[in-house]
Amino acid sequence: QGLPLYRYLSGTGQGILPVPMMNILNGGMHSSNNVDIQEFMIMPVGFDSFSEGLRSGVEVFHELRRLLSEKNLNTSVGDEGGFAPDLESNEEAIELVVRAIERAGFEPGNEVVIALDIAASEWLQEDGYEFRWSSGVNMSSGEMISHWKKWTDKYPIKSLEDPLDEDDWNGWRNLTASVGDKVQLVGDDIFATNVERLTRGINESVANSILIKVNQIGTLTETLSAIELARKSGYRSVISHRSGETEDSFIADLAVATGVHQIKTGSASRSDRVAKYNQLLRIEEALGPQAIYPGRDLWSQ
């Protein structure tokens, strides 16, 4: 039909560009360092366009590289393109990200906020959640909830993905009740882009957002069903890449077509990650004045 893919998939002329979750520091299973948390990401919410938001994220990324270099820390990158240095603690990683935001000239918590993918299912042992790559400390589900609440009170963290194990439904309920009114709680492993698991989560007041991976559930039809169920139930959706990626940019078109307002597709490095950002820039340019960037309005969606 000669239509751009995002228009063909949407069937409408809507042009909502997603706020990117930009991975700038890696840990956990996606790197070989001593940081437990899998992804430290930034979200440029205080801007009027996708291109301005992306530019700010790139500037923070390169400021973090300079900051790490000044501290004689490793600036090689992990699977998603974020830096993967050995650090004193997980909290040092957060503080470095905050400092990089400030040094790039932006206001943490206002113009740029932090998102974490904790991947807590990788931490679970018989005796609790183990900070295996750093301190070796073990925490119960309740202690983990208190830990994340403390962090979200102390730092400009607006989104937590997989902060507890995929089968810790009671813990997820308690965490949602504790911080769900001020923090986005994204279910990846617990929902697996699966309508049945998402339905259970909705019924049990677990999380308030779902990570969407097309090849996790297997078909585009099932993917769209999960997005629609989330939307009808007041849950946000985040279109996501996978840790192993190619330069295919389909998910960029899918994010715009479905109007989900958020995309998670790695860092401002590695061609397999940058390809998605470049496609979003092309879409924004094609949309012209019709292009909408949610920015801070994201949290009211």
C-alpha atoms as a PDB file:
ATOM      1  CA  GLN A   1       0.000   0.000   0.000  1.00  0.00           C
ATOM      2  CA  GLY A   2       3.015   2.257   0.011  1.00  0.00           C
ATOM      3  CA  LEU A   3       2.573   3.198   3.675  1.00  0.00           C
ATOM      4  CA  PRO A   4       5.380   3.477   6.225  1.00  0.00           C
ATOM      5  CA  LEU A   5       5.327   0.462   8.538  1.00  0.00           C
ATOM      6  CA  TYR A   6       4.222   2.440  11.602  1.00  0.00           C
ATOM      7  CA  ARG A   7       1.213   3.816   9.708  1.00  0.00           C
ATOM      8  CA  TYR A   8       0.320   0.423   8.247  1.00  0.00           C
ATOM      9  CA  LEU A   9       0.372  -1.198  11.697  1.00  0.00           C
ATOM     10  CA  SER A  10      -1.575   1.572  13.411  1.00  0.00           C
ATOM     11  CA  GLY A  11      -4.231   2.171  10.793  1.00  0.00           C
ATOM     12  CA  THR A  12      -4.345   5.769  12.016  1.00  0.00           C
ATOM     13  CA  GLY A  13      -2.361   8.932  11.646  1.00  0.00           C
ATOM     14  CA  GLN A  14      -1.268   9.066  15.286  1.00  0.00           C
ATOM     15  CA  GLY A  15       2.322  10.093  15.762  1.00  0.00           C
ATOM     16  CA  ILE A  16       3.334   9.536  19.373  1.00  0.00           C
ATOM     17  CA  LEU A  17       7.090   9.072  19.687  1.00  0.00           C
ATOM     18  CA  PRO A  18       8.203   6.995  22.690  1.00  0.00           C
ATOM     19  CA  VAL A  19      10.308   8.236  25.583  1.00  0.00           C
ATOM     20  CA  PRO A  20      13.498   6.148  25.405  1.00  0.00           C
ATOM     21  CA  MET A  21      14.919   4.151  28.281  1.00  0.00           C
ATOM     22  CA  MET A  22      18.593   4.532  27.431  1.00  0.00           C
ATOM     23  CA  ASN A  23      20.947   2.009  28.980  1.00  0.00           C
ATOM     24  CA  ILE A  24      24.148   3.715  30.080  1.00  0.00           C
ATOM     25  CA  LEU A  25      25.558   1.299  32.661  1.00  0.00           C
ATOM     26  CA  ASN A  26      25.392  -2.523  32.688  1.00  0.00           C
ATOM     27  CA  GLY A  27      25.748  -5.139  35.407  1.00  0.00           C
ATOM     28  CA  GLY A  28      24.451  -8.557  36.377  1.00  0.00           C
ATOM     29  CA  MET A  29      24.262 -11.282  33.735  1.00  0.00           C
ATOM     30  CA  HIS A  30      24.792  -8.784  30.916  1.00  0.00           C
ATOM     31  CA  SER A  31      28.346  -7.876  31.861  1.00  0.00           C
ATOM     32  CA  SER A  32      31.433  -9.294  33.541  1.00  0.00           C
ATOM     33  CA  ASN A  33      31.745  -6.725  36.334  1.00  0.00           C
ATOM     34  CA  ASN A  34      30.826  -6.737  40.040  1.00  0.00           C
ATOM     35  CA  VAL A  35      27.546  -4.789  39.775  1.00  0.00           C
ATOM     36  CA  ASP A  36      24.339  -6.716  40.528  1.00  0.00           C
ATOM     37  CA  ILE A  37      21.732  -4.584  38.783  1.00  0.00           C
ATOM     38  CA  GLN A  38      21.428  -5.522  35.122  1.00  0.00           C
ATOM     39  CA  GLU A  39      20.629  -2.141  33.594  1.00  0.00           C
ATOM     40  CA  PHE A  40      20.944   1.458  34.744  1.00  0.00           C
ATOM     41  CA  MET A  41      18.958   3.586  32.303  1.00  0.00           C
ATOM     42  CA  ILE A  42      18.067   7.227  31.844  1.00  0.00           C
ATOM     43  CA  MET A  43      14.759   8.599  30.575  1.00  0.00           C
ATOM     44  CA  PRO A  44      14.805  12.112  29.055  1.00  0.00           C
ATOM     45  CA  VAL A  45      11.335  13.305  30.062  1.00  0.00           C
ATOM     46  CA  GLY A  46      11.849  17.068  30.293  1.00  0.00           C
ATOM     47  CA  PHE A  47      11.988  17.793  26.569  1.00  0.00           C
ATOM     48  CA  ASP A  48       9.583  18.799  23.816  1.00  0.00           C
ATOM     49  CA  SER A  49      10.638  16.358  21.104  1.00  0.00           C
ATOM     50  CA  PHE A  50      12.108  12.900  20.687  1.00  0.00           C
ATOM     51  CA  SER A  51      15.209  14.304  18.999  1.00  0.00           C
ATOM     52  CA  GLU A  52      15.867  16.701  21.891  1.00  0.00           C
ATOM     53  CA  GLY A  53      15.349  13.908  24.398  1.00  0.00           C
ATOM     54  CA  LEU A  54      17.667  11.575  22.512  1.00  0.00           C
ATOM     55  CA  ARG A  55      20.324  14.277  22.256  1.00  0.00           C
ATOM     56  CA  SER A  56      20.247  14.796  26.008  1.00  0.00           C
ATOM     57  CA  GLY A  57      20.581  11.063  26.609  1.00  0.00           C
ATOM     58  CA  VAL A  58      23.588  10.859  24.300  1.00  0.00           C
ATOM     59  CA  GLU A  59      25.194  13.781  26.133  1.00  0.00           C
ATOM     60  CA  VAL A  60      24.691  12.068  29.506  1.00  0.00           C
ATOM     61  CA  PHE A  61      26.132   8.831  28.082  1.00  0.00           C
ATOM     62  CA  HIS A  62      29.323  10.556  26.935  1.00  0.00           C
ATOM     63  CA  GLU A  63      29.574  12.547  30.170  1.00  0.00           C
ATOM     64  CA  LEU A  64      29.449   9.255  32.066  1.00  0.00           C
ATOM     65  CA  ARG A  65      32.291   7.938  29.898  1.00  0.00           C
ATOM     66  CA  ARG A  66      34.382  10.996  30.785  1.00  0.00           C
ATOM     67  CA  LEU A  67      33.524  10.591  34.456  1.00  0.00           C
ATOM     68  CA  LEU A  68      34.577   6.928  34.432  1.00  0.00           C
ATOM     69  CA  SER A  69      37.805   7.788  32.614  1.00  0.00           C
ATOM     70  CA  GLU A  70      38.644  10.416  35.235  1.00  0.00           C
ATOM     71  CA  LYS A  71      38.275   7.722  37.891  1.00  0.00           C
ATOM     72  CA  ASN A  72      40.435   5.310  35.857  1.00  0.00           C
ATOM     73  CA  LEU A  73      37.475   2.954  35.492  1.00  0.00           C
ATOM     74  CA  ASN A  74      36.796   0.657  32.554  1.00  0.00           C
ATOM     75  CA  THR A  75      34.830   2.245  29.696  1.00  0.00           C
ATOM     76  CA  SER A  76      34.196  -0.917  27.678  1.00  0.00           C
ATOM     77  CA  VAL A  77      30.515  -1.642  27.075  1.00  0.00           C
ATOM     78  CA  GLY A  78      28.200  -4.532  27.954  1.00  0.00           C
ATOM     79  CA  ASP A  79      25.576  -6.387  25.915  1.00  0.00           C
ATOM     80  CA  GLU A  80      23.191  -3.437  25.625  1.00  0.00           C
ATOM     81  CA  GLY A  81      25.910  -0.873  24.988  1.00  0.00           C
ATOM     82  CA  GLY A  82      26.168   0.616  28.470  1.00  0.00           C
ATOM     83  CA  PHE A  83      29.461   0.906  30.316  1.00  0.00           C
ATOM     84  CA  ALA A  84      30.423  -2.012  32.544  1.00  0.00           C
ATOM     85  CA  PRO A  85      33.043  -0.938  35.119  1.00  0.00           C
ATOM     86  CA  ASP A  86      33.855  -2.630  38.413  1.00  0.00           C
ATOM     87  CA  LEU A  87      32.497  -0.420  41.203  1.00  0.00           C
ATOM     88  CA  GLU A  88      32.510  -0.302  44.993  1.00  0.00           C
ATOM     89  CA  SER A  89      28.766  -0.921  45.191  1.00  0.00           C
ATOM     90  CA  ASN A  90      25.482  -0.819  43.291  1.00  0.00           C
ATOM     91  CA  GLU A  91      24.793   2.509  44.940  1.00  0.00           C
ATOM     92  CA  GLU A  92      27.993   3.966  43.499  1.00  0.00           C
ATOM     93  CA  ALA A  93      26.573   3.192  40.057  1.00  0.00           C
ATOM     94  CA  ILE A  94      23.442   5.227  40.820  1.00  0.00           C
ATOM     95  CA  GLU A  95      25.528   8.111  42.138  1.00  0.00           C
ATOM     96  CA  LEU A  96      27.697   8.085  39.003  1.00  0.00           C
ATOM     97  CA  VAL A  97      24.605   8.247  36.802  1.00  0.00           C
ATOM     98  CA  VAL A  98      23.201  11.167  38.808  1.00  0.00           C
ATOM     99  CA  ARG A  99      26.543  12.967  38.578  1.00  0.00           C
ATOM    100  CA  ALA A 100      26.717  12.389  34.817  1.00  0.00           C
ATOM    101  CA  ILE A 101      23.236  13.884  34.387  1.00  0.00           C
ATOM    102  CA  GLU A 102      24.288  16.954  36.363  1.00  0.00           C
ATOM    103  CA  ARG A 103      27.593  17.359  34.519  1.00  0.00           C
ATOM    104  CA  ALA A 104      25.777  17.174  31.199  1.00  0.00           C
ATOM    105  CA  GLY A 105      23.795  20.218  32.330  1.00  0.00           C
ATOM    106  CA  PHE A 106      20.463  18.570  33.126  1.00  0.00           C
ATOM    107  CA  GLU A 107      18.378  18.368  36.278  1.00  0.00           C
ATOM    108  CA  PRO A 108      18.027  14.843  37.719  1.00  0.00           C
ATOM    109  CA  GLY A 109      14.432  14.015  38.537  1.00  0.00           C
ATOM    110  CA  ASN A 110      13.080  16.794  36.348  1.00  0.00           C
ATOM    111  CA  GLU A 111      14.639  16.742  32.884  1.00  0.00           C
ATOM    112  CA  VAL A 112      16.203  13.289  33.152  1.00  0.00           C
ATOM    113  CA  VAL A 113      15.080  10.459  35.444  1.00  0.00           C
ATOM    114  CA  ILE A 114      16.539   7.032  36.172  1.00  0.00           C
ATOM    115  CA  ALA A 115      15.101   3.607  35.342  1.00  0.00           C
ATOM    116  CA  LEU A 116      16.517   0.293  36.575  1.00  0.00           C
ATOM    117  CA  ASP A 117      16.206  -3.252  35.279  1.00  0.00           C
ATOM    118  CA  ILE A 118      17.100  -5.252  38.343  1.00  0.00           C
ATOM    119  CA  ALA A 119      16.464  -8.731  36.885  1.00  0.00           C
ATOM    120  CA  ALA A 120      15.881 -10.034  40.413  1.00  0.00           C
ATOM    121  CA  SER A 121      15.027 -13.557  39.242  1.00  0.00           C
ATOM    122  CA  GLU A 122      18.768 -13.936  38.596  1.00  0.00           C
ATOM    123  CA  TRP A 123      19.450 -13.114  42.249  1.00  0.00           C
ATOM    124  CA  LEU A 124      17.112 -15.654  43.860  1.00  0.00           C
ATOM    125  CA  GLN A 125      18.721 -18.433  45.901  1.00  0.00           C
ATOM    126  CA  GLU A 126      17.266 -20.908  48.396  1.00  0.00           C
ATOM    127  CA  ASP A 127      17.898 -18.516  51.287  1.00  0.00           C
ATOM    128  CA  GLY A 128      16.676 -15.326  49.591  1.00  0.00           C
ATOM    129  CA  TYR A 129      17.888 -12.726  47.129  1.00  0.00           C
ATOM    130  CA  GLU A 130      21.677 -12.700  46.929  1.00  0.00           C
ATOM    131  CA  PHE A 131      23.738  -9.707  45.847  1.00  0.00           C
ATOM    132  CA  ARG A 132      26.125 -12.248  44.385  1.00  0.00           C
ATOM    133  CA  TRP A 133      28.256 -10.019  42.169  1.00  0.00           C
ATOM    134  CA  SER A 134      28.950  -7.374  44.808  1.00  0.00           C
ATOM    135  CA  SER A 135      28.594  -7.814  48.561  1.00  0.00           C
ATOM    136  CA  GLY A 136      27.209 -11.349  48.802  1.00  0.00           C
ATOM    137  CA  VAL A 137      24.468 -10.049  51.132  1.00  0.00           C
ATOM    138  CA  ASN A 138      21.194 -11.986  51.229  1.00  0.00           C
ATOM    139  CA  MET A 139      17.799 -10.289  51.547  1.00  0.00           C
ATOM    140  CA  SER A 140      14.284 -11.576  52.070  1.00  0.00           C
ATOM    141  CA  SER A 141      11.447 -10.393  49.867  1.00  0.00           C
ATOM    142  CA  GLY A 142      10.406  -7.899  52.536  1.00  0.00           C
ATOM    143  CA  GLU A 143      13.948  -6.577  52.857  1.00  0.00           C
ATOM    144  CA  MET A 144      14.150  -6.153  49.079  1.00  0.00           C
ATOM    145  CA  ILE A 145      10.943  -4.105  49.148  1.00  0.00           C
ATOM    146  CA  SER A 146      12.379  -1.870  51.867  1.00  0.00           C
ATOM    147  CA  HIS A 147      15.615  -1.576  49.889  1.00  0.00           C
ATOM    148  CA  TRP A 148      13.878  -0.383  46.711  1.00  0.00           C
ATOM    149  CA  LYS A 149      11.653   1.985  48.663  1.00  0.00           C
ATOM    150  CA  LYS A 150      14.736   3.539  50.256  1.00  0.00           C
ATOM    151  CA  TRP A 151      16.374   3.985  46.856  1.00  0.00           C
ATOM    152  CA  THR A 152      13.295   5.498  45.216  1.00  0.00           C
ATOM    153  CA  ASP A 153      13.004   7.938  48.122  1.00  0.00           C
ATOM    154  CA  LYS A 154      16.689   8.900  47.901  1.00  0.00           C
ATOM    155  CA  TYR A 155      17.353   8.997  44.144  1.00  0.00           C
ATOM    156  CA  PRO A 156      15.449  10.245  41.053  1.00  0.00           C
ATOM    157  CA  ILE A 157      14.357   6.714  40.129  1.00  0.00           C
ATOM    158  CA  LYS A 158      10.994   6.614  38.342  1.00  0.00           C
ATOM    159  CA  SER A 159      10.933   3.065  36.963  1.00  0.00           C
ATOM    160  CA  LEU A 160      11.875  -0.365  38.346  1.00  0.00           C
ATOM    161  CA  GLU A 161      11.794  -3.436  36.110  1.00  0.00           C
ATOM    162  CA  ASP A 162      11.745  -6.913  37.666  1.00  0.00           C
ATOM    163  CA  PRO A 163      12.617  -5.717  41.193  1.00  0.00           C
ATOM    164  CA  LEU A 164      11.505  -9.119  42.544  1.00  0.00           C
ATOM    165  CA  ASP A 165      11.434 -12.708  41.274  1.00  0.00           C
ATOM    166  CA  GLU A 166       8.940 -13.697  38.579  1.00  0.00           C
ATOM    167  CA  ASP A 167       7.126 -16.039  40.987  1.00  0.00           C
ATOM    168  CA  ASP A 168       7.193 -13.766  44.044  1.00  0.00           C
ATOM    169  CA  TRP A 169       3.592 -12.630  43.518  1.00  0.00           C
ATOM    170  CA  ASN A 170       3.042 -11.733  47.161  1.00  0.00           C
ATOM    171  CA  GLY A 171       6.197  -9.622  47.213  1.00  0.00           C
ATOM    172  CA  TRP A 172       5.135  -7.859  44.013  1.00  0.00           C
ATOM    173  CA  ARG A 173       1.746  -7.046  45.572  1.00  0.00           C
ATOM    174  CA  ASN A 174       3.421  -5.590  48.640  1.00  0.00           C
ATOM    175  CA  LEU A 175       5.920  -3.586  46.582  1.00  0.00           C
ATOM    176  CA  THR A 176       3.150  -2.218  44.359  1.00  0.00           C
ATOM    177  CA  ALA A 177       1.185  -1.158  47.429  1.00  0.00           C
ATOM    178  CA  SER A 178       4.314   0.471  48.869  1.00  0.00           C
ATOM    179  CA  VAL A 179       5.687   2.482  45.922  1.00  0.00           C
ATOM    180  CA  GLY A 180       3.370   1.900  42.962  1.00  0.00           C
ATOM    181  CA  ASP A 181       1.731   5.310  43.335  1.00  0.00           C
ATOM    182  CA  LYS A 182       5.004   7.136  42.598  1.00  0.00           C
ATOM    183  CA  VAL A 183       7.187   4.653  40.694  1.00  0.00           C
ATOM    184  CA  GLN A 184       6.589   2.713  37.492  1.00  0.00           C
ATOM    185  CA  LEU A 185       6.885  -1.013  38.264  1.00  0.00           C
ATOM    186  CA  VAL A 186       7.552  -2.888  35.031  1.00  0.00           C
ATOM    187  CA  GLY A 187       6.863  -6.607  34.809  1.00  0.00           C
ATOM    188  CA  ASP A 188       9.048  -8.479  32.340  1.00  0.00           C
ATOM    189  CA  ASP A 189       9.739 -11.984  33.658  1.00  0.00           C
ATOM    190  CA  ILE A 190       6.569 -12.026  35.758  1.00  0.00           C
ATOM    191  CA  PHE A 191       4.322 -11.244  32.744  1.00  0.00           C
ATOM    192  CA  ALA A 192       6.409 -12.519  29.787  1.00  0.00           C
ATOM    193  CA  THR A 193       4.208 -10.563  27.317  1.00  0.00           C
ATOM    194  CA  ASN A 194       1.535 -13.141  28.171  1.00  0.00           C
ATOM    195  CA  VAL A 195      -2.127 -12.107  28.434  1.00  0.00           C
ATOM    196  CA  GLU A 196      -2.929 -14.784  31.025  1.00  0.00           C
ATOM    197  CA  ARG A 197      -0.101 -13.756  33.332  1.00  0.00           C
ATOM    198  CA  LEU A 198      -0.895 -10.073  32.825  1.00  0.00           C
ATOM    199  CA  THR A 199      -4.554 -10.738  33.659  1.00  0.00           C
ATOM    200  CA  ARG A 200      -3.497 -12.357  36.934  1.00  0.00           C
ATOM    201  CA  GLY A 201      -1.268  -9.378  37.692  1.00  0.00           C
ATOM    202  CA  ILE A 202      -4.082  -6.923  37.029  1.00  0.00           C
ATOM    203  CA  ASN A 203      -6.495  -8.896  39.204  1.00  0.00           C
ATOM    204  CA  GLU A 204      -3.962  -9.093  42.045  1.00  0.00           C
ATOM    205  CA  SER A 205      -2.764  -5.457  41.783  1.00  0.00           C
ATOM    206  CA  VAL A 206       0.741  -6.504  40.797  1.00  0.00           C
ATOM    207  CA  ALA A 207       2.960  -3.903  39.047  1.00  0.00           C
ATOM    208  CA  ASN A 208       1.573  -1.072  36.922  1.00  0.00           C
ATOM    209  CA  SER A 209       3.406  -1.611  33.637  1.00  0.00           C
ATOM    210  CA  ILE A 210       4.384  -4.440  31.302  1.00  0.00           C
ATOM    211  CA  LEU A 211       7.498  -4.937  29.191  1.00  0.00           C
ATOM    212  CA  ILE A 212       6.543  -5.944  25.652  1.00  0.00           C
ATOM    213  CA  LYS A 213       8.818  -8.296  23.683  1.00  0.00           C
ATOM    214  CA  VAL A 214       7.380  -9.589  20.411  1.00  0.00           C
ATOM    215  CA  ASN A 215       9.599 -12.657  20.188  1.00  0.00           C
ATOM    216  CA  GLN A 216       9.001 -13.503  23.850  1.00  0.00           C
ATOM    217  CA  ILE A 217       5.345 -14.365  23.230  1.00  0.00           C
ATOM    218  CA  GLY A 218       5.905 -15.332  19.590  1.00  0.00           C
ATOM    219  CA  THR A 219       3.294 -13.535  17.475  1.00  0.00           C
ATOM    220  CA  LEU A 220       2.374  -9.959  16.677  1.00  0.00           C
ATOM    221  CA  THR A 221      -1.296 -10.725  17.365  1.00  0.00           C
ATOM    222  CA  GLU A 222      -0.552 -11.851  20.926  1.00  0.00           C
ATOM    223  CA  THR A 223       1.731  -8.864  21.407  1.00  0.00           C
ATOM    224  CA  LEU A 224      -0.993  -6.417  20.373  1.00  0.00           C
ATOM    225  CA  SER A 225      -3.477  -8.216  22.642  1.00  0.00           C
ATOM    226  CA  ALA A 226      -1.157  -7.740  25.629  1.00  0.00           C
ATOM    227  CA  ILE A 227      -0.725  -4.034  24.835  1.00  0.00           C
ATOM    228  CA  GLU A 228      -4.481  -3.540  24.488  1.00  0.00           C
ATOM    229  CA  LEU A 229      -5.237  -5.372  27.752  1.00  0.00           C
ATOM    230  CA  ALA A 230      -2.643  -3.249  29.546  1.00  0.00           C
ATOM    231  CA  ARG A 231      -4.099  -0.047  28.107  1.00  0.00           C
ATOM    232  CA  LYS A 232      -7.677  -0.955  29.075  1.00  0.00           C
ATOM    233  CA  SER A 233      -6.522  -1.834  32.591  1.00  0.00           C
ATOM    234  CA  GLY A 234      -4.551   1.351  33.221  1.00  0.00           C
ATOM    235  CA  TYR A 235      -1.154  -0.320  32.869  1.00  0.00           C
ATOM    236  CA  ARG A 236       1.629   1.252  30.815  1.00  0.00           C
ATOM    237  CA  SER A 237       3.514  -0.714  28.158  1.00  0.00           C
ATOM    238  CA  VAL A 238       7.203  -0.523  27.265  1.00  0.00           C
ATOM    239  CA  ILE A 239       8.258  -1.883  23.862  1.00  0.00           C
ATOM    240  CA  SER A 240      11.586  -3.648  24.328  1.00  0.00           C
ATOM    241  CA  HIS A 241      14.554  -5.044  22.456  1.00  0.00           C
ATOM    242  CA  ARG A 242      16.330  -8.227  23.574  1.00  0.00           C
ATOM    243  CA  SER A 243      19.828  -8.532  25.005  1.00  0.00           C
ATOM    244  CA  GLY A 244      20.903 -10.210  21.769  1.00  0.00           C
ATOM    245  CA  GLU A 245      19.881  -7.924  18.902  1.00  0.00           C
ATOM    246  CA  THR A 246      20.302  -7.208  15.200  1.00  0.00           C
ATOM    247  CA  GLU A 247      20.057  -3.939  13.284  1.00  0.00           C
ATOM    248  CA  ASP A 248      16.401  -4.627  12.439  1.00  0.00           C
ATOM    249  CA  SER A 249      14.376  -1.588  13.533  1.00  0.00           C
ATOM    250  CA  PHE A 250      10.865  -3.088  13.574  1.00  0.00           C
ATOM    251  CA  ILE A 251      10.278  -2.308  17.253  1.00  0.00           C
ATOM    252  CA  ALA A 252      10.756   1.413  16.565  1.00  0.00           C
ATOM    253  CA  ASP A 253       7.821   1.344  14.133  1.00  0.00           C
ATOM    254  CA  LEU A 254       5.833  -0.842  16.538  1.00  0.00           C
ATOM    255  CA  ALA A 255       6.327   1.637  19.392  1.00  0.00           C
ATOM    256  CA  VAL A 256       4.958   4.506  17.290  1.00  0.00           C
ATOM    257  CA  ALA A 257       2.165   2.403  15.768  1.00  0.00           C
ATOM    258  CA  THR A 258       0.853   1.284  19.153  1.00  0.00           C
ATOM    259  CA  GLY A 259       1.363   4.630  20.892  1.00  0.00           C
ATOM    260  CA  VAL A 260       2.845   3.006  23.985  1.00  0.00           C
ATOM    261  CA  HIS A 261       4.888   6.095  24.972  1.00  0.00           C
ATOM    262  CA  GLN A 262       8.031   4.168  25.988  1.00  0.00           C
ATOM    263  CA  ILE A 263      10.764   2.144  24.286  1.00  0.00           C
ATOM    264  CA  LYS A 264      13.682   0.273  25.800  1.00  0.00           C
ATOM    265  CA  THR A 265      16.326  -0.351  23.179  1.00  0.00           C
ATOM    266  CA  GLY A 266      19.750  -0.011  24.725  1.00  0.00           C
ATOM    267  CA  SER A 267      22.466   2.582  24.720  1.00  0.00           C
ATOM    268  CA  ALA A 268      23.707   5.273  22.381  1.00  0.00           C
ATOM    269  CA  SER A 269      26.380   2.867  21.158  1.00  0.00           C
ATOM    270  CA  ARG A 270      26.504  -0.387  19.140  1.00  0.00           C
ATOM    271  CA  SER A 271      24.841  -0.362  15.741  1.00  0.00           C
ATOM    272  CA  ASP A 272      22.189  -2.899  16.790  1.00  0.00           C
ATOM    273  CA  ARG A 273      20.901  -0.403  19.394  1.00  0.00           C
ATOM    274  CA  VAL A 274      21.461   2.844  17.488  1.00  0.00           C
ATOM    275  CA  ALA A 275      19.505   1.503  14.481  1.00  0.00           C
ATOM    276  CA  LYS A 276      16.252   1.808  16.448  1.00  0.00           C
ATOM    277  CA  TYR A 277      16.987   5.374  17.525  1.00  0.00           C
ATOM    278  CA  ASN A 278      17.833   6.356  13.958  1.00  0.00           C
ATOM    279  CA  GLN A 279      14.527   4.928  12.734  1.00  0.00           C
ATOM    280  CA  LEU A 280      12.628   6.894  15.384  1.00  0.00           C
ATOM    281  CA  LEU A 281      14.413  10.054  14.259  1.00  0.00           C
ATOM    282  CA  ARG A 282      13.357   9.331  10.675  1.00  0.00           C
ATOM    283  CA  ILE A 283       9.759   8.772  11.777  1.00  0.00           C
ATOM    284  CA  GLU A 284       9.756  12.016  13.764  1.00  0.00           C
ATOM    285  CA  GLU A 285      11.073  13.895  10.745  1.00  0.00           C
ATOM    286  CA  ALA A 286       8.427  12.322   8.482  1.00  0.00           C
ATOM    287  CA  LEU A 287       5.628  13.205  10.905  1.00  0.00           C
ATOM    288  CA  GLY A 288       6.750  16.806  11.124  1.00  0.00           C
ATOM    289  CA  PRO A 289       4.417  18.920  13.287  1.00  0.00           C
ATOM    290  CA  GLN A 290       2.196  15.864  13.875  1.00  0.00           C
ATOM    291  CA  ALA A 291       4.936  14.246  15.961  1.00  0.00           C
ATOM    292  CA  ILE A 292       4.082  14.155  19.671  1.00  0.00           C
ATOM    293  CA  TYR A 293       6.621  13.499  22.426  1.00  0.00           C
ATOM    294  CA  PRO A 294       4.996  12.606  25.789  1.00  0.00           C
ATOM    295  CA  GLY A 295       7.823  13.930  27.969  1.00  0.00           C
ATOM    296  CA  ARG A 296       6.640  14.549  31.528  1.00  0.00           C
ATOM    297  CA  ASP A 297       3.057  13.726  30.494  1.00  0.00           C
ATOM    298  CA  LEU A 298       4.228  10.120  30.339  1.00  0.00           C
ATOM    299  CA  TRP A 299       3.474   9.659  34.033  1.00  0.00           C
ATOM    300  CA  SER A 300      -0.142  10.752  33.616  1.00  0.00           C
ATOM    301  CA  GLN A 301      -0.790   8.139  30.924  1.00  0.00           C
END
